[in-house]
Structure formats: C-alpha cells, structure tokens
PDB file of N, CA and C in Angstrom:
ATOM      1  N   MET A   1       1.175  -1.199  -0.028  1.00  0.00           N
ATOM      2  CA  MET A   1      -0.206   0.124   0.034  1.00  0.00           C
ATOM      3  C   MET A   1       0.976   1.248  -0.126  1.00  0.00           C
ATOM      4  N   LYS A   2       0.575   2.283  -0.951  1.00  0.00           N
ATOM      5  CA  LYS A   2       1.154   3.553  -0.952  1.00  0.00           C
ATOM      6  C   LYS A   2       0.981   4.593   0.094  1.00  0.00           C
ATOM      7  N   LYS A   3       1.499   5.287   0.603  1.00  0.00           N
ATOM      8  CA  LYS A   3       1.564   6.160   1.722  1.00  0.00           C
ATOM      9  C   LYS A   3       0.466   7.214   1.216  1.00  0.00           C
ATOM     10  N   SER A   4      -0.069   7.557   0.327  1.00  0.00           N
ATOM     11  CA  SER A   4      -1.310   8.506  -0.277  1.00  0.00           C
ATOM     12  C   SER A   4      -2.582   7.321   0.023  1.00  0.00           C
ATOM     13  N   GLU A   5      -2.598   5.950  -0.313  1.00  0.00           N
ATOM     14  CA  GLU A   5      -3.710   5.221  -0.301  1.00  0.00           C
ATOM     15  C   GLU A   5      -4.089   4.861   1.479  1.00  0.00           C
ATOM     16  N   LEU A   6      -2.797   5.119   2.265  1.00  0.00           N
ATOM     17  CA  LEU A   6      -2.796   4.693   3.701  1.00  0.00           C
ATOM     18  C   LEU A   6      -3.888   6.073   4.383  1.00  0.00           C
ATOM     19  N   ALA A   7      -2.844   7.223   3.908  1.00  0.00           N
ATOM     20  CA  ALA A   7      -3.321   8.526   4.437  1.00  0.00           C
ATOM     21  C   ALA A   7      -4.873   8.716   4.106  1.00  0.00           C
ATOM     22  N   LYS A   8      -5.322   8.443   2.872  1.00  0.00           N
ATOM     23  CA  LYS A   8      -6.930   8.436   2.389  1.00  0.00           C
ATOM     24  C   LYS A   8      -7.668   7.938   3.344  1.00  0.00           C
ATOM     25  N   LYS A   9      -7.436   6.157   3.736  1.00  0.00           N
ATOM     26  CA  LYS A   9      -7.978   5.405   4.247  1.00  0.00           C
ATOM     27  C   LYS A   9      -7.811   6.157   5.816  1.00  0.00           C
ATOM     28  N   VAL A  10      -7.124   6.860   6.592  1.00  0.00           N
ATOM     29  CA  VAL A  10      -7.065   7.381   7.383  1.00  0.00           C
ATOM     30  C   VAL A  10      -7.860   8.379   7.620  1.00  0.00           C
ATOM     31  N   ALA A  11      -7.983   9.024   6.798  1.00  0.00           N
ATOM     32  CA  ALA A  11      -8.550  10.296   6.648  1.00  0.00           C
ATOM     33  C   ALA A  11     -10.007   9.992   6.605  1.00  0.00           C
ATOM     34  N   ARG A  12     -10.538   9.013   6.116  1.00  0.00           N
ATOM     35  CA  ARG A  12     -11.740   8.491   5.913  1.00  0.00           C
ATOM     36  C   ARG A  12     -12.265   8.029   7.239  1.00  0.00           C
ATOM     37  N   LYS A  13     -11.596   7.365   7.843  1.00  0.00           N
ATOM     38  CA  LYS A  13     -12.209   6.989   9.334  1.00  0.00           C
ATOM     39  C   LYS A  13     -11.883   7.523  10.457  1.00  0.00           C
ATOM     40  N   HIS A  14     -11.156   8.542  10.183  1.00  0.00           N
ATOM     41  CA  HIS A  14     -10.990   9.932  11.299  1.00  0.00           C
ATOM     42  C   HIS A  14     -11.975  11.049  10.861  1.00  0.00           C
ATOM     43  N   SER A  15     -12.287  11.179   9.644  1.00  0.00           N
ATOM     44  CA  SER A  15     -13.123  12.470   9.176  1.00  0.00           C
ATOM     45  C   SER A  15     -12.482  13.555   9.302  1.00  0.00           C
ATOM     46  N   ILE A  16     -10.854  13.255   8.878  1.00  0.00           N
ATOM     47  CA  ILE A  16      -9.993  14.791   8.634  1.00  0.00           C
ATOM     48  C   ILE A  16      -9.300  14.799   7.024  1.00  0.00           C
ATOM     49  N   GLU A  17      -8.997  15.701   6.891  1.00  0.00           N
ATOM     50  CA  GLU A  17      -8.260  16.074   5.400  1.00  0.00           C
ATOM     51  C   GLU A  17      -7.350  14.899   5.433  1.00  0.00           C
ATOM     52  N   THR A  18      -7.158  14.560   4.082  1.00  0.00           N
ATOM     53  CA  THR A  18      -5.772  13.515   3.353  1.00  0.00           C
ATOM     54  C   THR A  18      -4.564  14.389   4.127  1.00  0.00           C
ATOM     55  N   GLY A  19      -4.530  15.491   3.688  1.00  0.00           N
ATOM     56  CA  GLY A  19      -3.237  16.109   3.971  1.00  0.00           C
ATOM     57  C   GLY A  19      -3.019  16.055   5.624  1.00  0.00           C
ATOM     58  N   ALA A  20      -3.808  16.158   6.412  1.00  0.00           N
ATOM     59  CA  ALA A  20      -3.880  16.223   8.017  1.00  0.00           C
ATOM     60  C   ALA A  20      -3.183  14.781   8.357  1.00  0.00           C
ATOM     61  N   ALA A  21      -3.991  13.733   7.753  1.00  0.00           N
ATOM     62  CA  ALA A  21      -3.541  12.507   7.857  1.00  0.00           C
ATOM     63  C   ALA A  21      -2.245  11.844   7.456  1.00  0.00           C
ATOM     64  N   ALA A  22      -1.898  12.654   6.563  1.00  0.00           N
ATOM     65  CA  ALA A  22      -0.234  12.362   6.085  1.00  0.00           C
ATOM     66  C   ALA A  22       0.464  12.802   6.443  1.00  0.00           C
ATOM     67  N   ASP A  23       0.702  14.244   7.141  1.00  0.00           N
ATOM     68  CA  ASP A  23       1.411  15.077   8.304  1.00  0.00           C
ATOM     69  C   ASP A  23       1.583  14.406   9.521  1.00  0.00           C
ATOM     70  N   SER A  24       0.211  13.641   9.787  1.00  0.00           N
ATOM     71  CA  SER A  24       0.077  12.796  11.263  1.00  0.00           C
ATOM     72  C   SER A  24       1.178  11.449  10.759  1.00  0.00           C
ATOM     73  N   MET A  25       1.064  10.805   9.813  1.00  0.00           N
ATOM     74  CA  MET A  25       1.517   9.626   9.547  1.00  0.00           C
ATOM     75  C   MET A  25       3.341  10.356   9.502  1.00  0.00           C
ATOM     76  N   ASP A  26       3.401  11.206   8.703  1.00  0.00           N
ATOM     77  CA  ASP A  26       5.285  11.747   8.767  1.00  0.00           C
ATOM     78  C   ASP A  26       5.605  11.807   9.790  1.00  0.00           C
ATOM     79  N   ARG A  27       4.954  12.839  10.759  1.00  0.00           N
ATOM     80  CA  ARG A  27       5.370  12.910  12.606  1.00  0.00           C
ATOM     81  C   ARG A  27       5.226  11.543  13.127  1.00  0.00           C
ATOM     82  N   LEU A  28       4.566  10.456  12.956  1.00  0.00           N
ATOM     83  CA  LEU A  28       4.490   9.168  13.573  1.00  0.00           C
ATOM     84  C   LEU A  28       5.990   8.412  13.252  1.00  0.00           C
ATOM     85  N   VAL A  29       6.157   8.231  11.805  1.00  0.00           N
ATOM     86  CA  VAL A  29       7.628   7.918  11.209  1.00  0.00           C
ATOM     87  C   VAL A  29       9.001   8.471  11.843  1.00  0.00           C
ATOM     88  N   ASN A  30       8.568  10.138  11.761  1.00  0.00           N
ATOM     89  CA  ASN A  30       9.879  10.724  12.493  1.00  0.00           C
ATOM     90  C   ASN A  30       9.887  10.471  13.979  1.00  0.00           C
ATOM     91  N   GLU A  31       9.138  10.483  14.569  1.00  0.00           N
ATOM     92  CA  GLU A  31       9.140  10.006  16.374  1.00  0.00           C
ATOM     93  C   GLU A  31      10.063   8.653  16.210  1.00  0.00           C
ATOM     94  N   ILE A  32       9.420   7.962  15.364  1.00  0.00           N
ATOM     95  CA  ILE A  32       9.988   6.543  15.719  1.00  0.00           C
ATOM     96  C   ILE A  32      11.623   6.363  15.081  1.00  0.00           C
ATOM     97  N   VAL A  33      12.126   7.281  14.063  1.00  0.00           N
ATOM     98  CA  VAL A  33      13.235   7.166  13.694  1.00  0.00           C
ATOM     99  C   VAL A  33      14.154   7.638  15.043  1.00  0.00           C
ATOM    100  N   ARG A  34      13.468   8.759  15.141  1.00  0.00           N
ATOM    101  CA  ARG A  34      14.255   9.382  16.444  1.00  0.00           C
ATOM    102  C   ARG A  34      14.485   8.583  17.787  1.00  0.00           C
ATOM    103  N   ALA A  35      13.489   7.768  17.750  1.00  0.00           N
ATOM    104  CA  ALA A  35      14.167   7.200  19.073  1.00  0.00           C
ATOM    105  C   ALA A  35      14.538   5.967  18.901  1.00  0.00           C
ATOM    106  N   LEU A  36      14.937   5.462  17.563  1.00  0.00           N
ATOM    107  CA  LEU A  36      15.802   4.546  17.356  1.00  0.00           C
ATOM    108  C   LEU A  36      17.286   4.942  17.054  1.00  0.00           C
ATOM    109  N   ARG A  37      17.211   6.201  16.984  1.00  0.00           N
ATOM    110  CA  ARG A  37      18.652   6.965  16.793  1.00  0.00           C
ATOM    111  C   ARG A  37      19.033   7.244  18.169  1.00  0.00           C
ATOM    112  N   ARG A  38      18.001   7.541  19.010  1.00  0.00           N
ATOM    113  CA  ARG A  38      18.601   7.586  20.541  1.00  0.00           C
ATOM    114  C   ARG A  38      18.686   6.613  20.985  1.00  0.00           C
ATOM    115  N   GLY A  39      18.691   5.366  20.458  1.00  0.00           N
ATOM    116  CA  GLY A  39      19.137   4.080  21.249  1.00  0.00           C
ATOM    117  C   GLY A  39      17.606   3.282  22.043  1.00  0.00           C
ATOM    118  N   GLU A  40      16.719   4.043  21.749  1.00  0.00           N
ATOM    119  CA  GLU A  40      15.421   3.448  22.068  1.00  0.00           C
ATOM    120  C   GLU A  40      14.709   2.519  21.474  1.00  0.00           C
ATOM    121  N   GLU A  41      13.821   1.698  22.025  1.00  0.00           N
ATOM    122  CA  GLU A  41      12.919   0.776  21.071  1.00  0.00           C
ATOM    123  C   GLU A  41      11.835   1.742  20.799  1.00  0.00           C
ATOM    124  N   ALA A  42      11.089   1.186  19.681  1.00  0.00           N
ATOM    125  CA  ALA A  42       9.911   2.108  19.172  1.00  0.00           C
ATOM    126  C   ALA A  42       9.042   0.661  19.728  1.00  0.00           C
ATOM    127  N   ASN A  43       7.925   1.103  20.174  1.00  0.00           N
ATOM    128  CA  ASN A  43       6.553   0.175  20.654  1.00  0.00           C
ATOM    129  C   ASN A  43       5.590   0.320  19.296  1.00  0.00           C
ATOM    130  N   LEU A  44       5.225  -0.518  18.842  1.00  0.00           N
ATOM    131  CA  LEU A  44       3.989  -0.257  17.791  1.00  0.00           C
ATOM    132  C   LEU A  44       2.835  -1.106  18.356  1.00  0.00           C
ATOM    133  N   PRO A  45       2.270  -0.490  19.421  1.00  0.00           N
ATOM    134  CA  PRO A  45       1.286  -1.450  20.090  1.00  0.00           C
ATOM    135  C   PRO A  45       0.000  -2.256  18.618  1.00  0.00           C
ATOM    136  N   GLY A  46       0.362  -3.482  19.303  1.00  0.00           N
ATOM    137  CA  GLY A  46      -0.567  -4.458  18.193  1.00  0.00           C
ATOM    138  C   GLY A  46       0.041  -5.349  17.318  1.00  0.00           C
ATOM    139  N   LEU A  47       1.331  -4.684  17.279  1.00  0.00           N
ATOM    140  CA  LEU A  47       2.195  -5.413  16.338  1.00  0.00           C
ATOM    141  C   LEU A  47       3.544  -6.004  16.762  1.00  0.00           C
ATOM    142  N   GLY A  48       4.382  -5.094  17.589  1.00  0.00           N
ATOM    143  CA  GLY A  48       5.563  -5.473  18.215  1.00  0.00           C
ATOM    144  C   GLY A  48       6.506  -3.936  18.159  1.00  0.00           C
ATOM    145  N   LYS A  49       7.708  -4.250  18.053  1.00  0.00           N
ATOM    146  CA  LYS A  49       9.012  -3.295  18.351  1.00  0.00           C
ATOM    147  C   LYS A  49       9.903  -3.515  17.867  1.00  0.00           C
ATOM    148  N   LEU A  50      10.100  -2.486  17.505  1.00  0.00           N
ATOM    149  CA  LEU A  50      11.860  -1.958  16.666  1.00  0.00           C
ATOM    150  C   LEU A  50      12.693  -1.607  17.789  1.00  0.00           C
ATOM    151  N   ILE A  51      13.832  -2.592  17.530  1.00  0.00           N
ATOM    152  CA  ILE A  51      14.689  -2.396  18.672  1.00  0.00           C
ATOM    153  C   ILE A  51      16.143  -1.804  17.748  1.00  0.00           C
ATOM    154  N   PRO A  52      16.626  -0.826  18.208  1.00  0.00           N
ATOM    155  CA  PRO A  52      17.804  -0.186  17.847  1.00  0.00           C
ATOM    156  C   PRO A  52      19.191  -1.445  18.182  1.00  0.00           C
ATOM    157  N   GLY A  53      19.994  -0.786  17.082  1.00  0.00           N
ATOM    158  CA  GLY A  53      20.982  -1.267  16.902  1.00  0.00           C
ATOM    159  C   GLY A  53      22.033  -1.582  16.019  1.00  0.00           C
ATOM    160  N   LYS A  54      23.084  -2.152  15.890  1.00  0.00           N
ATOM    161  CA  LYS A  54      23.757  -1.726  14.587  1.00  0.00           C
ATOM    162  C   LYS A  54      22.887  -2.293  13.647  1.00  0.00           C
ATOM    163  N   HIS A  55      22.087  -3.220  13.578  1.00  0.00           N
ATOM    164  CA  HIS A  55      21.291  -3.417  12.754  1.00  0.00           C
ATOM    165  C   HIS A  55      19.692  -3.910  13.071  1.00  0.00           C
ATOM    166  N   TRP A  56      19.133  -2.658  13.255  1.00  0.00           N
ATOM    167  CA  TRP A  56      17.783  -2.549  13.446  1.00  0.00           C
ATOM    168  C   TRP A  56      16.840  -4.017  12.997  1.00  0.00           C
ATOM    169  N   ALA A  57      15.935  -4.299  13.987  1.00  0.00           N
ATOM    170  CA  ALA A  57      15.480  -5.582  14.339  1.00  0.00           C
ATOM    171  C   ALA A  57      13.684  -5.440  14.444  1.00  0.00           C
ATOM    172  N   PHE A  58      12.860  -6.313  14.231  1.00  0.00           N
ATOM    173  CA  PHE A  58      12.039  -6.008  14.660  1.00  0.00           C
ATOM    174  C   PHE A  58      11.235  -7.112  15.104  1.00  0.00           C
ATOM    175  N   GLN A  59      10.979  -6.746  16.473  1.00  0.00           N
ATOM    176  CA  GLN A  59      10.394  -8.165  17.364  1.00  0.00           C
ATOM    177  C   GLN A  59       8.950  -8.231  17.340  1.00  0.00           C
ATOM    178  N   GLN A  60       8.105  -9.063  16.937  1.00  0.00           N
ATOM    179  CA  GLN A  60       6.855  -9.252  16.898  1.00  0.00           C
ATOM    180  C   GLN A  60       6.353  -9.452  18.001  1.00  0.00           C
ATOM    181  N   GLU A  61       4.918  -8.796  18.701  1.00  0.00           N
ATOM    182  CA  GLU A  61       4.242  -9.579  19.713  1.00  0.00           C
ATOM    183  C   GLU A  61       3.633 -10.737  19.472  1.00  0.00           C
ATOM    184  N   SER A  62       3.478 -11.205  20.783  1.00  0.00           N
ATOM    185  CA  SER A  62       2.625 -12.882  20.681  1.00  0.00           C
ATOM    186  C   SER A  62       1.413 -11.936  20.808  1.00  0.00           C
ATOM    187  N   ASP A  63       0.300 -13.239  20.457  1.00  0.00           N
ATOM    188  CA  ASP A  63      -0.854 -13.285  20.459  1.00  0.00           C
ATOM    189  C   ASP A  63      -1.544 -13.692  22.108  1.00  0.00           C
ATOM    190  N   GLU A  64      -0.562 -14.085  22.483  1.00  0.00           N
ATOM    191  CA  GLU A  64      -0.853 -14.729  23.833  1.00  0.00           C
ATOM    192  C   GLU A  64      -0.809 -13.596  24.762  1.00  0.00           C
ATOM    193  N   ARG A  65      -1.739 -13.588  25.625  1.00  0.00           N
ATOM    194  CA  ARG A  65      -1.750 -12.537  26.733  1.00  0.00           C
ATOM    195  C   ARG A  65      -2.486 -12.801  27.720  1.00  0.00           C
TER     196      ARG A  65
END
C-alpha cells in the first residue's frame, strides 16, 4: 500500500483531511526514527517493537496474553 492510499483510509476513518492524515503519519515515522537513533525501542502496539542497534530488528508481539 502506498502512503497516499493509507493517508486516504486514515482520513476517511477519522473524518479529517487527507493532508492532515499524511502529516500525522510523517510525524509518527519521524518520532520512531528519532527514538531508534537515540538507542530507544519503538513500540508499535498490537504489532511489536523496533529494536535499535547496528542492525535494526523487529520483534513481533505474541497473540498470547
């Protein structure tokens, strides 16, 4: 899925402008990258977390809780 398609879906779901949805997505991605560059994990609720290091890794959450 392309960013523009995702922004349209987010905009429709939340009744906001497509541009505002795209801006929010950009801010989110930038915050994740900044956290990783600071050496912090970036948690993605319901999906898992990105772990910083020499080679970034993705750790998926288990469905068991």
